[in-house]
Amino acid sequence: ARGLLAAVAIGVAVTLAAVGGPLA
């Protein structure tokens, strides 16, 4: 469960970095 939580958090961050603006 720990690994899954970190994986989801990083996945969301990577997606935000790709589709968000420069600050995001």
PDBML (XML) file of the C-alpha atoms, coordinates in Angstrom:
<?xml version="1.0" encoding="UTF-8" ?>
<PDBx:datablock datablockName="MODEL"
   xmlns:PDBx="http://pdbml.pdb.org/schema/pdbx-v50.xsd"
   xmlns:xsi="http://www.w3.org/2001/XMLSchema-instance"
   xsi:schemaLocation="http://pdbml.pdb.org/schema/pdbx-v50.xsd pdbx-v50.xsd">
   <PDBx:atom_siteCategory>
      <PDBx:atom_site id="1">
         <PDBx:B_iso_or_equiv>0.00</PDBx:B_iso_or_equiv>
         <PDBx:Cartn_x>0.000</PDBx:Cartn_x>
         <PDBx:Cartn_y>0.000</PDBx:Cartn_y>
         <PDBx:Cartn_z>0.000</PDBx:Cartn_z>
         <PDBx:auth_asym_id>A</PDBx:auth_asym_id>
         <PDBx:auth_atom_id>CA</PDBx:auth_atom_id>
         <PDBx:auth_comp_id>ALA</PDBx:auth_comp_id>
         <PDBx:auth_seq_id>1</PDBx:auth_seq_id>
         <PDBx:group_PDB>ATOM</PDBx:group_PDB>
         <PDBx:label_alt_id xsi:nil="true" />
         <PDBx:label_asym_id>A</PDBx:label_asym_id>
         <PDBx:label_atom_id>CA</PDBx:label_atom_id>
         <PDBx:label_comp_id>ALA</PDBx:label_comp_id>
         <PDBx:label_entity_id>1</PDBx:label_entity_id>
         <PDBx:label_seq_id>1</PDBx:label_seq_id>
         <PDBx:occupancy>1.00</PDBx:occupancy>
         <PDBx:pdbx_PDB_model_num>1</PDBx:pdbx_PDB_model_num>
         <PDBx:type_symbol>C</PDBx:type_symbol>
      </PDBx:atom_site>
      <PDBx:atom_site id="2">
         <PDBx:B_iso_or_equiv>0.00</PDBx:B_iso_or_equiv>
         <PDBx:Cartn_x>2.909</PDBx:Cartn_x>
         <PDBx:Cartn_y>2.361</PDBx:Cartn_y>
         <PDBx:Cartn_z>0.713</PDBx:Cartn_z>
         <PDBx:auth_asym_id>A</PDBx:auth_asym_id>
         <PDBx:auth_atom_id>CA</PDBx:auth_atom_id>
         <PDBx:auth_comp_id>ARG</PDBx:auth_comp_id>
         <PDBx:auth_seq_id>2</PDBx:auth_seq_id>
         <PDBx:group_PDB>ATOM</PDBx:group_PDB>
         <PDBx:label_alt_id xsi:nil="true" />
         <PDBx:label_asym_id>A</PDBx:label_asym_id>
         <PDBx:label_atom_id>CA</PDBx:label_atom_id>
         <PDBx:label_comp_id>ARG</PDBx:label_comp_id>
         <PDBx:label_entity_id>1</PDBx:label_entity_id>
         <PDBx:label_seq_id>2</PDBx:label_seq_id>
         <PDBx:occupancy>1.00</PDBx:occupancy>
         <PDBx:pdbx_PDB_model_num>1</PDBx:pdbx_PDB_model_num>
         <PDBx:type_symbol>C</PDBx:type_symbol>
      </PDBx:atom_site>
      <PDBx:atom_site id="3">
         <PDBx:B_iso_or_equiv>0.00</PDBx:B_iso_or_equiv>
         <PDBx:Cartn_x>4.350</PDBx:Cartn_x>
         <PDBx:Cartn_y>1.746</PDBx:Cartn_y>
         <PDBx:Cartn_z>-2.718</PDBx:Cartn_z>
         <PDBx:auth_asym_id>A</PDBx:auth_asym_id>
         <PDBx:auth_atom_id>CA</PDBx:auth_atom_id>
         <PDBx:auth_comp_id>GLY</PDBx:auth_comp_id>
         <PDBx:auth_seq_id>3</PDBx:auth_seq_id>
         <PDBx:group_PDB>ATOM</PDBx:group_PDB>
         <PDBx:label_alt_id xsi:nil="true" />
         <PDBx:label_asym_id>A</PDBx:label_asym_id>
         <PDBx:label_atom_id>CA</PDBx:label_atom_id>
         <PDBx:label_comp_id>GLY</PDBx:label_comp_id>
         <PDBx:label_entity_id>1</PDBx:label_entity_id>
         <PDBx:label_seq_id>3</PDBx:label_seq_id>
         <PDBx:occupancy>1.00</PDBx:occupancy>
         <PDBx:pdbx_PDB_model_num>1</PDBx:pdbx_PDB_model_num>
         <PDBx:type_symbol>C</PDBx:type_symbol>
      </PDBx:atom_site>
      <PDBx:atom_site id="4">
         <PDBx:B_iso_or_equiv>0.00</PDBx:B_iso_or_equiv>
         <PDBx:Cartn_x>0.952</PDBx:Cartn_x>
         <PDBx:Cartn_y>2.227</PDBx:Cartn_y>
         <PDBx:Cartn_z>-4.357</PDBx:Cartn_z>
         <PDBx:auth_asym_id>A</PDBx:auth_asym_id>
         <PDBx:auth_atom_id>CA</PDBx:auth_atom_id>
         <PDBx:auth_comp_id>LEU</PDBx:auth_comp_id>
         <PDBx:auth_seq_id>4</PDBx:auth_seq_id>
         <PDBx:group_PDB>ATOM</PDBx:group_PDB>
         <PDBx:label_alt_id xsi:nil="true" />
         <PDBx:label_asym_id>A</PDBx:label_asym_id>
         <PDBx:label_atom_id>CA</PDBx:label_atom_id>
         <PDBx:label_comp_id>LEU</PDBx:label_comp_id>
         <PDBx:label_entity_id>1</PDBx:label_entity_id>
         <PDBx:label_seq_id>4</PDBx:label_seq_id>
         <PDBx:occupancy>1.00</PDBx:occupancy>
         <PDBx:pdbx_PDB_model_num>1</PDBx:pdbx_PDB_model_num>
         <PDBx:type_symbol>C</PDBx:type_symbol>
      </PDBx:atom_site>
      <PDBx:atom_site id="5">
         <PDBx:B_iso_or_equiv>0.00</PDBx:B_iso_or_equiv>
         <PDBx:Cartn_x>0.430</PDBx:Cartn_x>
         <PDBx:Cartn_y>5.556</PDBx:Cartn_y>
         <PDBx:Cartn_z>-2.560</PDBx:Cartn_z>
         <PDBx:auth_asym_id>A</PDBx:auth_asym_id>
         <PDBx:auth_atom_id>CA</PDBx:auth_atom_id>
         <PDBx:auth_comp_id>LEU</PDBx:auth_comp_id>
         <PDBx:auth_seq_id>5</PDBx:auth_seq_id>
         <PDBx:group_PDB>ATOM</PDBx:group_PDB>
         <PDBx:label_alt_id xsi:nil="true" />
         <PDBx:label_asym_id>A</PDBx:label_asym_id>
         <PDBx:label_atom_id>CA</PDBx:label_atom_id>
         <PDBx:label_comp_id>LEU</PDBx:label_comp_id>
         <PDBx:label_entity_id>1</PDBx:label_entity_id>
         <PDBx:label_seq_id>5</PDBx:label_seq_id>
         <PDBx:occupancy>1.00</PDBx:occupancy>
         <PDBx:pdbx_PDB_model_num>1</PDBx:pdbx_PDB_model_num>
         <PDBx:type_symbol>C</PDBx:type_symbol>
      </PDBx:atom_site>
      <PDBx:atom_site id="6">
         <PDBx:B_iso_or_equiv>0.00</PDBx:B_iso_or_equiv>
         <PDBx:Cartn_x>3.800</PDBx:Cartn_x>
         <PDBx:Cartn_y>6.869</PDBx:Cartn_y>
         <PDBx:Cartn_z>-3.710</PDBx:Cartn_z>
         <PDBx:auth_asym_id>A</PDBx:auth_asym_id>
         <PDBx:auth_atom_id>CA</PDBx:auth_atom_id>
         <PDBx:auth_comp_id>ALA</PDBx:auth_comp_id>
         <PDBx:auth_seq_id>6</PDBx:auth_seq_id>
         <PDBx:group_PDB>ATOM</PDBx:group_PDB>
         <PDBx:label_alt_id xsi:nil="true" />
         <PDBx:label_asym_id>A</PDBx:label_asym_id>
         <PDBx:label_atom_id>CA</PDBx:label_atom_id>
         <PDBx:label_comp_id>ALA</PDBx:label_comp_id>
         <PDBx:label_entity_id>1</PDBx:label_entity_id>
         <PDBx:label_seq_id>6</PDBx:label_seq_id>
         <PDBx:occupancy>1.00</PDBx:occupancy>
         <PDBx:pdbx_PDB_model_num>1</PDBx:pdbx_PDB_model_num>
         <PDBx:type_symbol>C</PDBx:type_symbol>
      </PDBx:atom_site>
      <PDBx:atom_site id="7">
         <PDBx:B_iso_or_equiv>0.00</PDBx:B_iso_or_equiv>
         <PDBx:Cartn_x>3.237</PDBx:Cartn_x>
         <PDBx:Cartn_y>5.591</PDBx:Cartn_y>
         <PDBx:Cartn_z>-7.242</PDBx:Cartn_z>
         <PDBx:auth_asym_id>A</PDBx:auth_asym_id>
         <PDBx:auth_atom_id>CA</PDBx:auth_atom_id>
         <PDBx:auth_comp_id>ALA</PDBx:auth_comp_id>
         <PDBx:auth_seq_id>7</PDBx:auth_seq_id>
         <PDBx:group_PDB>ATOM</PDBx:group_PDB>
         <PDBx:label_alt_id xsi:nil="true" />
         <PDBx:label_asym_id>A</PDBx:label_asym_id>
         <PDBx:label_atom_id>CA</PDBx:label_atom_id>
         <PDBx:label_comp_id>ALA</PDBx:label_comp_id>
         <PDBx:label_entity_id>1</PDBx:label_entity_id>
         <PDBx:label_seq_id>7</PDBx:label_seq_id>
         <PDBx:occupancy>1.00</PDBx:occupancy>
         <PDBx:pdbx_PDB_model_num>1</PDBx:pdbx_PDB_model_num>
         <PDBx:type_symbol>C</PDBx:type_symbol>
      </PDBx:atom_site>
      <PDBx:atom_site id="8">
         <PDBx:B_iso_or_equiv>0.00</PDBx:B_iso_or_equiv>
         <PDBx:Cartn_x>-0.132</PDBx:Cartn_x>
         <PDBx:Cartn_y>7.351</PDBx:Cartn_y>
         <PDBx:Cartn_z>-7.487</PDBx:Cartn_z>
         <PDBx:auth_asym_id>A</PDBx:auth_asym_id>
         <PDBx:auth_atom_id>CA</PDBx:auth_atom_id>
         <PDBx:auth_comp_id>VAL</PDBx:auth_comp_id>
         <PDBx:auth_seq_id>8</PDBx:auth_seq_id>
         <PDBx:group_PDB>ATOM</PDBx:group_PDB>
         <PDBx:label_alt_id xsi:nil="true" />
         <PDBx:label_asym_id>A</PDBx:label_asym_id>
         <PDBx:label_atom_id>CA</PDBx:label_atom_id>
         <PDBx:label_comp_id>VAL</PDBx:label_comp_id>
         <PDBx:label_entity_id>1</PDBx:label_entity_id>
         <PDBx:label_seq_id>8</PDBx:label_seq_id>
         <PDBx:occupancy>1.00</PDBx:occupancy>
         <PDBx:pdbx_PDB_model_num>1</PDBx:pdbx_PDB_model_num>
         <PDBx:type_symbol>C</PDBx:type_symbol>
      </PDBx:atom_site>
      <PDBx:atom_site id="9">
         <PDBx:B_iso_or_equiv>0.00</PDBx:B_iso_or_equiv>
         <PDBx:Cartn_x>1.327</PDBx:Cartn_x>
         <PDBx:Cartn_y>10.597</PDBx:Cartn_y>
         <PDBx:Cartn_z>-6.109</PDBx:Cartn_z>
         <PDBx:auth_asym_id>A</PDBx:auth_asym_id>
         <PDBx:auth_atom_id>CA</PDBx:auth_atom_id>
         <PDBx:auth_comp_id>ALA</PDBx:auth_comp_id>
         <PDBx:auth_seq_id>9</PDBx:auth_seq_id>
         <PDBx:group_PDB>ATOM</PDBx:group_PDB>
         <PDBx:label_alt_id xsi:nil="true" />
         <PDBx:label_asym_id>A</PDBx:label_asym_id>
         <PDBx:label_atom_id>CA</PDBx:label_atom_id>
         <PDBx:label_comp_id>ALA</PDBx:label_comp_id>
         <PDBx:label_entity_id>1</PDBx:label_entity_id>
         <PDBx:label_seq_id>9</PDBx:label_seq_id>
         <PDBx:occupancy>1.00</PDBx:occupancy>
         <PDBx:pdbx_PDB_model_num>1</PDBx:pdbx_PDB_model_num>
         <PDBx:type_symbol>C</PDBx:type_symbol>
      </PDBx:atom_site>
      <PDBx:atom_site id="10">
         <PDBx:B_iso_or_equiv>0.00</PDBx:B_iso_or_equiv>
         <PDBx:Cartn_x>4.225</PDBx:Cartn_x>
         <PDBx:Cartn_y>10.564</PDBx:Cartn_y>
         <PDBx:Cartn_z>-8.562</PDBx:Cartn_z>
         <PDBx:auth_asym_id>A</PDBx:auth_asym_id>
         <PDBx:auth_atom_id>CA</PDBx:auth_atom_id>
         <PDBx:auth_comp_id>ILE</PDBx:auth_comp_id>
         <PDBx:auth_seq_id>10</PDBx:auth_seq_id>
         <PDBx:group_PDB>ATOM</PDBx:group_PDB>
         <PDBx:label_alt_id xsi:nil="true" />
         <PDBx:label_asym_id>A</PDBx:label_asym_id>
         <PDBx:label_atom_id>CA</PDBx:label_atom_id>
         <PDBx:label_comp_id>ILE</PDBx:label_comp_id>
         <PDBx:label_entity_id>1</PDBx:label_entity_id>
         <PDBx:label_seq_id>10</PDBx:label_seq_id>
         <PDBx:occupancy>1.00</PDBx:occupancy>
         <PDBx:pdbx_PDB_model_num>1</PDBx:pdbx_PDB_model_num>
         <PDBx:type_symbol>C</PDBx:type_symbol>
      </PDBx:atom_site>
      <PDBx:atom_site id="11">
         <PDBx:B_iso_or_equiv>0.00</PDBx:B_iso_or_equiv>
         <PDBx:Cartn_x>1.928</PDBx:Cartn_x>
         <PDBx:Cartn_y>9.612</PDBx:Cartn_y>
         <PDBx:Cartn_z>-11.452</PDBx:Cartn_z>
         <PDBx:auth_asym_id>A</PDBx:auth_asym_id>
         <PDBx:auth_atom_id>CA</PDBx:auth_atom_id>
         <PDBx:auth_comp_id>GLY</PDBx:auth_comp_id>
         <PDBx:auth_seq_id>11</PDBx:auth_seq_id>
         <PDBx:group_PDB>ATOM</PDBx:group_PDB>
         <PDBx:label_alt_id xsi:nil="true" />
         <PDBx:label_asym_id>A</PDBx:label_asym_id>
         <PDBx:label_atom_id>CA</PDBx:label_atom_id>
         <PDBx:label_comp_id>GLY</PDBx:label_comp_id>
         <PDBx:label_entity_id>1</PDBx:label_entity_id>
         <PDBx:label_seq_id>11</PDBx:label_seq_id>
         <PDBx:occupancy>1.00</PDBx:occupancy>
         <PDBx:pdbx_PDB_model_num>1</PDBx:pdbx_PDB_model_num>
         <PDBx:type_symbol>C</PDBx:type_symbol>
      </PDBx:atom_site>
      <PDBx:atom_site id="12">
         <PDBx:B_iso_or_equiv>0.00</PDBx:B_iso_or_equiv>
         <PDBx:Cartn_x>-0.318</PDBx:Cartn_x>
         <PDBx:Cartn_y>12.594</PDBx:Cartn_y>
         <PDBx:Cartn_z>-10.713</PDBx:Cartn_z>
         <PDBx:auth_asym_id>A</PDBx:auth_asym_id>
         <PDBx:auth_atom_id>CA</PDBx:auth_atom_id>
         <PDBx:auth_comp_id>VAL</PDBx:auth_comp_id>
         <PDBx:auth_seq_id>12</PDBx:auth_seq_id>
         <PDBx:group_PDB>ATOM</PDBx:group_PDB>
         <PDBx:label_alt_id xsi:nil="true" />
         <PDBx:label_asym_id>A</PDBx:label_asym_id>
         <PDBx:label_atom_id>CA</PDBx:label_atom_id>
         <PDBx:label_comp_id>VAL</PDBx:label_comp_id>
         <PDBx:label_entity_id>1</PDBx:label_entity_id>
         <PDBx:label_seq_id>12</PDBx:label_seq_id>
         <PDBx:occupancy>1.00</PDBx:occupancy>
         <PDBx:pdbx_PDB_model_num>1</PDBx:pdbx_PDB_model_num>
         <PDBx:type_symbol>C</PDBx:type_symbol>
      </PDBx:atom_site>
      <PDBx:atom_site id="13">
         <PDBx:B_iso_or_equiv>0.00</PDBx:B_iso_or_equiv>
         <PDBx:Cartn_x>2.706</PDBx:Cartn_x>
         <PDBx:Cartn_y>14.899</PDBx:Cartn_y>
         <PDBx:Cartn_z>-10.400</PDBx:Cartn_z>
         <PDBx:auth_asym_id>A</PDBx:auth_asym_id>
         <PDBx:auth_atom_id>CA</PDBx:auth_atom_id>
         <PDBx:auth_comp_id>ALA</PDBx:auth_comp_id>
         <PDBx:auth_seq_id>13</PDBx:auth_seq_id>
         <PDBx:group_PDB>ATOM</PDBx:group_PDB>
         <PDBx:label_alt_id xsi:nil="true" />
         <PDBx:label_asym_id>A</PDBx:label_asym_id>
         <PDBx:label_atom_id>CA</PDBx:label_atom_id>
         <PDBx:label_comp_id>ALA</PDBx:label_comp_id>
         <PDBx:label_entity_id>1</PDBx:label_entity_id>
         <PDBx:label_seq_id>13</PDBx:label_seq_id>
         <PDBx:occupancy>1.00</PDBx:occupancy>
         <PDBx:pdbx_PDB_model_num>1</PDBx:pdbx_PDB_model_num>
         <PDBx:type_symbol>C</PDBx:type_symbol>
      </PDBx:atom_site>
      <PDBx:atom_site id="14">
         <PDBx:B_iso_or_equiv>0.00</PDBx:B_iso_or_equiv>
         <PDBx:Cartn_x>4.168</PDBx:Cartn_x>
         <PDBx:Cartn_y>13.724</PDBx:Cartn_y>
         <PDBx:Cartn_z>-13.720</PDBx:Cartn_z>
         <PDBx:auth_asym_id>A</PDBx:auth_asym_id>
         <PDBx:auth_atom_id>CA</PDBx:auth_atom_id>
         <PDBx:auth_comp_id>VAL</PDBx:auth_comp_id>
         <PDBx:auth_seq_id>14</PDBx:auth_seq_id>
         <PDBx:group_PDB>ATOM</PDBx:group_PDB>
         <PDBx:label_alt_id xsi:nil="true" />
         <PDBx:label_asym_id>A</PDBx:label_asym_id>
         <PDBx:label_atom_id>CA</PDBx:label_atom_id>
         <PDBx:label_comp_id>VAL</PDBx:label_comp_id>
         <PDBx:label_entity_id>1</PDBx:label_entity_id>
         <PDBx:label_seq_id>14</PDBx:label_seq_id>
         <PDBx:occupancy>1.00</PDBx:occupancy>
         <PDBx:pdbx_PDB_model_num>1</PDBx:pdbx_PDB_model_num>
         <PDBx:type_symbol>C</PDBx:type_symbol>
      </PDBx:atom_site>
      <PDBx:atom_site id="15">
         <PDBx:B_iso_or_equiv>0.00</PDBx:B_iso_or_equiv>
         <PDBx:Cartn_x>0.815</PDBx:Cartn_x>
         <PDBx:Cartn_y>14.181</PDBx:Cartn_y>
         <PDBx:Cartn_z>-15.455</PDBx:Cartn_z>
         <PDBx:auth_asym_id>A</PDBx:auth_asym_id>
         <PDBx:auth_atom_id>CA</PDBx:auth_atom_id>
         <PDBx:auth_comp_id>THR</PDBx:auth_comp_id>
         <PDBx:auth_seq_id>15</PDBx:auth_seq_id>
         <PDBx:group_PDB>ATOM</PDBx:group_PDB>
         <PDBx:label_alt_id xsi:nil="true" />
         <PDBx:label_asym_id>A</PDBx:label_asym_id>
         <PDBx:label_atom_id>CA</PDBx:label_atom_id>
         <PDBx:label_comp_id>THR</PDBx:label_comp_id>
         <PDBx:label_entity_id>1</PDBx:label_entity_id>
         <PDBx:label_seq_id>15</PDBx:label_seq_id>
         <PDBx:occupancy>1.00</PDBx:occupancy>
         <PDBx:pdbx_PDB_model_num>1</PDBx:pdbx_PDB_model_num>
         <PDBx:type_symbol>C</PDBx:type_symbol>
      </PDBx:atom_site>
      <PDBx:atom_site id="16">
         <PDBx:B_iso_or_equiv>0.00</PDBx:B_iso_or_equiv>
         <PDBx:Cartn_x>0.411</PDBx:Cartn_x>
         <PDBx:Cartn_y>17.664</PDBx:Cartn_y>
         <PDBx:Cartn_z>-13.989</PDBx:Cartn_z>
         <PDBx:auth_asym_id>A</PDBx:auth_asym_id>
         <PDBx:auth_atom_id>CA</PDBx:auth_atom_id>
         <PDBx:auth_comp_id>LEU</PDBx:auth_comp_id>
         <PDBx:auth_seq_id>16</PDBx:auth_seq_id>
         <PDBx:group_PDB>ATOM</PDBx:group_PDB>
         <PDBx:label_alt_id xsi:nil="true" />
         <PDBx:label_asym_id>A</PDBx:label_asym_id>
         <PDBx:label_atom_id>CA</PDBx:label_atom_id>
         <PDBx:label_comp_id>LEU</PDBx:label_comp_id>
         <PDBx:label_entity_id>1</PDBx:label_entity_id>
         <PDBx:label_seq_id>16</PDBx:label_seq_id>
         <PDBx:occupancy>1.00</PDBx:occupancy>
         <PDBx:pdbx_PDB_model_num>1</PDBx:pdbx_PDB_model_num>
         <PDBx:type_symbol>C</PDBx:type_symbol>
      </PDBx:atom_site>
      <PDBx:atom_site id="17">
         <PDBx:B_iso_or_equiv>0.00</PDBx:B_iso_or_equiv>
         <PDBx:Cartn_x>3.911</PDBx:Cartn_x>
         <PDBx:Cartn_y>18.562</PDBx:Cartn_y>
         <PDBx:Cartn_z>-15.120</PDBx:Cartn_z>
         <PDBx:auth_asym_id>A</PDBx:auth_asym_id>
         <PDBx:auth_atom_id>CA</PDBx:auth_atom_id>
         <PDBx:auth_comp_id>ALA</PDBx:auth_comp_id>
         <PDBx:auth_seq_id>17</PDBx:auth_seq_id>
         <PDBx:group_PDB>ATOM</PDBx:group_PDB>
         <PDBx:label_alt_id xsi:nil="true" />
         <PDBx:label_asym_id>A</PDBx:label_asym_id>
         <PDBx:label_atom_id>CA</PDBx:label_atom_id>
         <PDBx:label_comp_id>ALA</PDBx:label_comp_id>
         <PDBx:label_entity_id>1</PDBx:label_entity_id>
         <PDBx:label_seq_id>17</PDBx:label_seq_id>
         <PDBx:occupancy>1.00</PDBx:occupancy>
         <PDBx:pdbx_PDB_model_num>1</PDBx:pdbx_PDB_model_num>
         <PDBx:type_symbol>C</PDBx:type_symbol>
      </PDBx:atom_site>
      <PDBx:atom_site id="18">
         <PDBx:B_iso_or_equiv>0.00</PDBx:B_iso_or_equiv>
         <PDBx:Cartn_x>3.033</PDBx:Cartn_x>
         <PDBx:Cartn_y>17.517</PDBx:Cartn_y>
         <PDBx:Cartn_z>-18.670</PDBx:Cartn_z>
         <PDBx:auth_asym_id>A</PDBx:auth_asym_id>
         <PDBx:auth_atom_id>CA</PDBx:auth_atom_id>
         <PDBx:auth_comp_id>ALA</PDBx:auth_comp_id>
         <PDBx:auth_seq_id>18</PDBx:auth_seq_id>
         <PDBx:group_PDB>ATOM</PDBx:group_PDB>
         <PDBx:label_alt_id xsi:nil="true" />
         <PDBx:label_asym_id>A</PDBx:label_asym_id>
         <PDBx:label_atom_id>CA</PDBx:label_atom_id>
         <PDBx:label_comp_id>ALA</PDBx:label_comp_id>
         <PDBx:label_entity_id>1</PDBx:label_entity_id>
         <PDBx:label_seq_id>18</PDBx:label_seq_id>
         <PDBx:occupancy>1.00</PDBx:occupancy>
         <PDBx:pdbx_PDB_model_num>1</PDBx:pdbx_PDB_model_num>
         <PDBx:type_symbol>C</PDBx:type_symbol>
      </PDBx:atom_site>
      <PDBx:atom_site id="19">
         <PDBx:B_iso_or_equiv>0.00</PDBx:B_iso_or_equiv>
         <PDBx:Cartn_x>-0.385</PDBx:Cartn_x>
         <PDBx:Cartn_y>19.140</PDBx:Cartn_y>
         <PDBx:Cartn_z>-19.040</PDBx:Cartn_z>
         <PDBx:auth_asym_id>A</PDBx:auth_asym_id>
         <PDBx:auth_atom_id>CA</PDBx:auth_atom_id>
         <PDBx:auth_comp_id>VAL</PDBx:auth_comp_id>
         <PDBx:auth_seq_id>19</PDBx:auth_seq_id>
         <PDBx:group_PDB>ATOM</PDBx:group_PDB>
         <PDBx:label_alt_id xsi:nil="true" />
         <PDBx:label_asym_id>A</PDBx:label_asym_id>
         <PDBx:label_atom_id>CA</PDBx:label_atom_id>
         <PDBx:label_comp_id>VAL</PDBx:label_comp_id>
         <PDBx:label_entity_id>1</PDBx:label_entity_id>
         <PDBx:label_seq_id>19</PDBx:label_seq_id>
         <PDBx:occupancy>1.00</PDBx:occupancy>
         <PDBx:pdbx_PDB_model_num>1</PDBx:pdbx_PDB_model_num>
         <PDBx:type_symbol>C</PDBx:type_symbol>
      </PDBx:atom_site>
      <PDBx:atom_site id="20">
         <PDBx:B_iso_or_equiv>0.00</PDBx:B_iso_or_equiv>
         <PDBx:Cartn_x>-0.160</PDBx:Cartn_x>
         <PDBx:Cartn_y>22.110</PDBx:Cartn_y>
         <PDBx:Cartn_z>-16.650</PDBx:Cartn_z>
         <PDBx:auth_asym_id>A</PDBx:auth_asym_id>
         <PDBx:auth_atom_id>CA</PDBx:auth_atom_id>
         <PDBx:auth_comp_id>GLY</PDBx:auth_comp_id>
         <PDBx:auth_seq_id>20</PDBx:auth_seq_id>
         <PDBx:group_PDB>ATOM</PDBx:group_PDB>
         <PDBx:label_alt_id xsi:nil="true" />
         <PDBx:label_asym_id>A</PDBx:label_asym_id>
         <PDBx:label_atom_id>CA</PDBx:label_atom_id>
         <PDBx:label_comp_id>GLY</PDBx:label_comp_id>
         <PDBx:label_entity_id>1</PDBx:label_entity_id>
         <PDBx:label_seq_id>20</PDBx:label_seq_id>
         <PDBx:occupancy>1.00</PDBx:occupancy>
         <PDBx:pdbx_PDB_model_num>1</PDBx:pdbx_PDB_model_num>
         <PDBx:type_symbol>C</PDBx:type_symbol>
      </PDBx:atom_site>
      <PDBx:atom_site id="21">
         <PDBx:B_iso_or_equiv>0.00</PDBx:B_iso_or_equiv>
         <PDBx:Cartn_x>1.439</PDBx:Cartn_x>
         <PDBx:Cartn_y>25.484</PDBx:Cartn_y>
         <PDBx:Cartn_z>-17.118</PDBx:Cartn_z>
         <PDBx:auth_asym_id>A</PDBx:auth_asym_id>
         <PDBx:auth_atom_id>CA</PDBx:auth_atom_id>
         <PDBx:auth_comp_id>GLY</PDBx:auth_comp_id>
         <PDBx:auth_seq_id>21</PDBx:auth_seq_id>
         <PDBx:group_PDB>ATOM</PDBx:group_PDB>
         <PDBx:label_alt_id xsi:nil="true" />
         <PDBx:label_asym_id>A</PDBx:label_asym_id>
         <PDBx:label_atom_id>CA</PDBx:label_atom_id>
         <PDBx:label_comp_id>GLY</PDBx:label_comp_id>
         <PDBx:label_entity_id>1</PDBx:label_entity_id>
         <PDBx:label_seq_id>21</PDBx:label_seq_id>
         <PDBx:occupancy>1.00</PDBx:occupancy>
         <PDBx:pdbx_PDB_model_num>1</PDBx:pdbx_PDB_model_num>
         <PDBx:type_symbol>C</PDBx:type_symbol>
      </PDBx:atom_site>
      <PDBx:atom_site id="22">
         <PDBx:B_iso_or_equiv>0.00</PDBx:B_iso_or_equiv>
         <PDBx:Cartn_x>5.071</PDBx:Cartn_x>
         <PDBx:Cartn_y>26.332</PDBx:Cartn_y>
         <PDBx:Cartn_z>-16.307</PDBx:Cartn_z>
         <PDBx:auth_asym_id>A</PDBx:auth_asym_id>
         <PDBx:auth_atom_id>CA</PDBx:auth_atom_id>
         <PDBx:auth_comp_id>PRO</PDBx:auth_comp_id>
         <PDBx:auth_seq_id>22</PDBx:auth_seq_id>
         <PDBx:group_PDB>ATOM</PDBx:group_PDB>
         <PDBx:label_alt_id xsi:nil="true" />
         <PDBx:label_asym_id>A</PDBx:label_asym_id>
         <PDBx:label_atom_id>CA</PDBx:label_atom_id>
         <PDBx:label_comp_id>PRO</PDBx:label_comp_id>
         <PDBx:label_entity_id>1</PDBx:label_entity_id>
         <PDBx:label_seq_id>22</PDBx:label_seq_id>
         <PDBx:occupancy>1.00</PDBx:occupancy>
         <PDBx:pdbx_PDB_model_num>1</PDBx:pdbx_PDB_model_num>
         <PDBx:type_symbol>C</PDBx:type_symbol>
      </PDBx:atom_site>
      <PDBx:atom_site id="23">
         <PDBx:B_iso_or_equiv>0.00</PDBx:B_iso_or_equiv>
         <PDBx:Cartn_x>4.378</PDBx:Cartn_x>
         <PDBx:Cartn_y>27.025</PDBx:Cartn_y>
         <PDBx:Cartn_z>-12.628</PDBx:Cartn_z>
         <PDBx:auth_asym_id>A</PDBx:auth_asym_id>
         <PDBx:auth_atom_id>CA</PDBx:auth_atom_id>
         <PDBx:auth_comp_id>LEU</PDBx:auth_comp_id>
         <PDBx:auth_seq_id>23</PDBx:auth_seq_id>
         <PDBx:group_PDB>ATOM</PDBx:group_PDB>
         <PDBx:label_alt_id xsi:nil="true" />
         <PDBx:label_asym_id>A</PDBx:label_asym_id>
         <PDBx:label_atom_id>CA</PDBx:label_atom_id>
         <PDBx:label_comp_id>LEU</PDBx:label_comp_id>
         <PDBx:label_entity_id>1</PDBx:label_entity_id>
         <PDBx:label_seq_id>23</PDBx:label_seq_id>
         <PDBx:occupancy>1.00</PDBx:occupancy>
         <PDBx:pdbx_PDB_model_num>1</PDBx:pdbx_PDB_model_num>
         <PDBx:type_symbol>C</PDBx:type_symbol>
      </PDBx:atom_site>
      <PDBx:atom_site id="24">
         <PDBx:B_iso_or_equiv>0.00</PDBx:B_iso_or_equiv>
         <PDBx:Cartn_x>2.377</PDBx:Cartn_x>
         <PDBx:Cartn_y>23.823</PDBx:Cartn_y>
         <PDBx:Cartn_z>-12.216</PDBx:Cartn_z>
         <PDBx:auth_asym_id>A</PDBx:auth_asym_id>
         <PDBx:auth_atom_id>CA</PDBx:auth_atom_id>
         <PDBx:auth_comp_id>ALA</PDBx:auth_comp_id>
         <PDBx:auth_seq_id>24</PDBx:auth_seq_id>
         <PDBx:group_PDB>ATOM</PDBx:group_PDB>
         <PDBx:label_alt_id xsi:nil="true" />
         <PDBx:label_asym_id>A</PDBx:label_asym_id>
         <PDBx:label_atom_id>CA</PDBx:label_atom_id>
         <PDBx:label_comp_id>ALA</PDBx:label_comp_id>
         <PDBx:label_entity_id>1</PDBx:label_entity_id>
         <PDBx:label_seq_id>24</PDBx:label_seq_id>
         <PDBx:occupancy>1.00</PDBx:occupancy>
         <PDBx:pdbx_PDB_model_num>1</PDBx:pdbx_PDB_model_num>
         <PDBx:type_symbol>C</PDBx:type_symbol>
      </PDBx:atom_site>
   </PDBx:atom_siteCategory>
</PDBx:datablock>
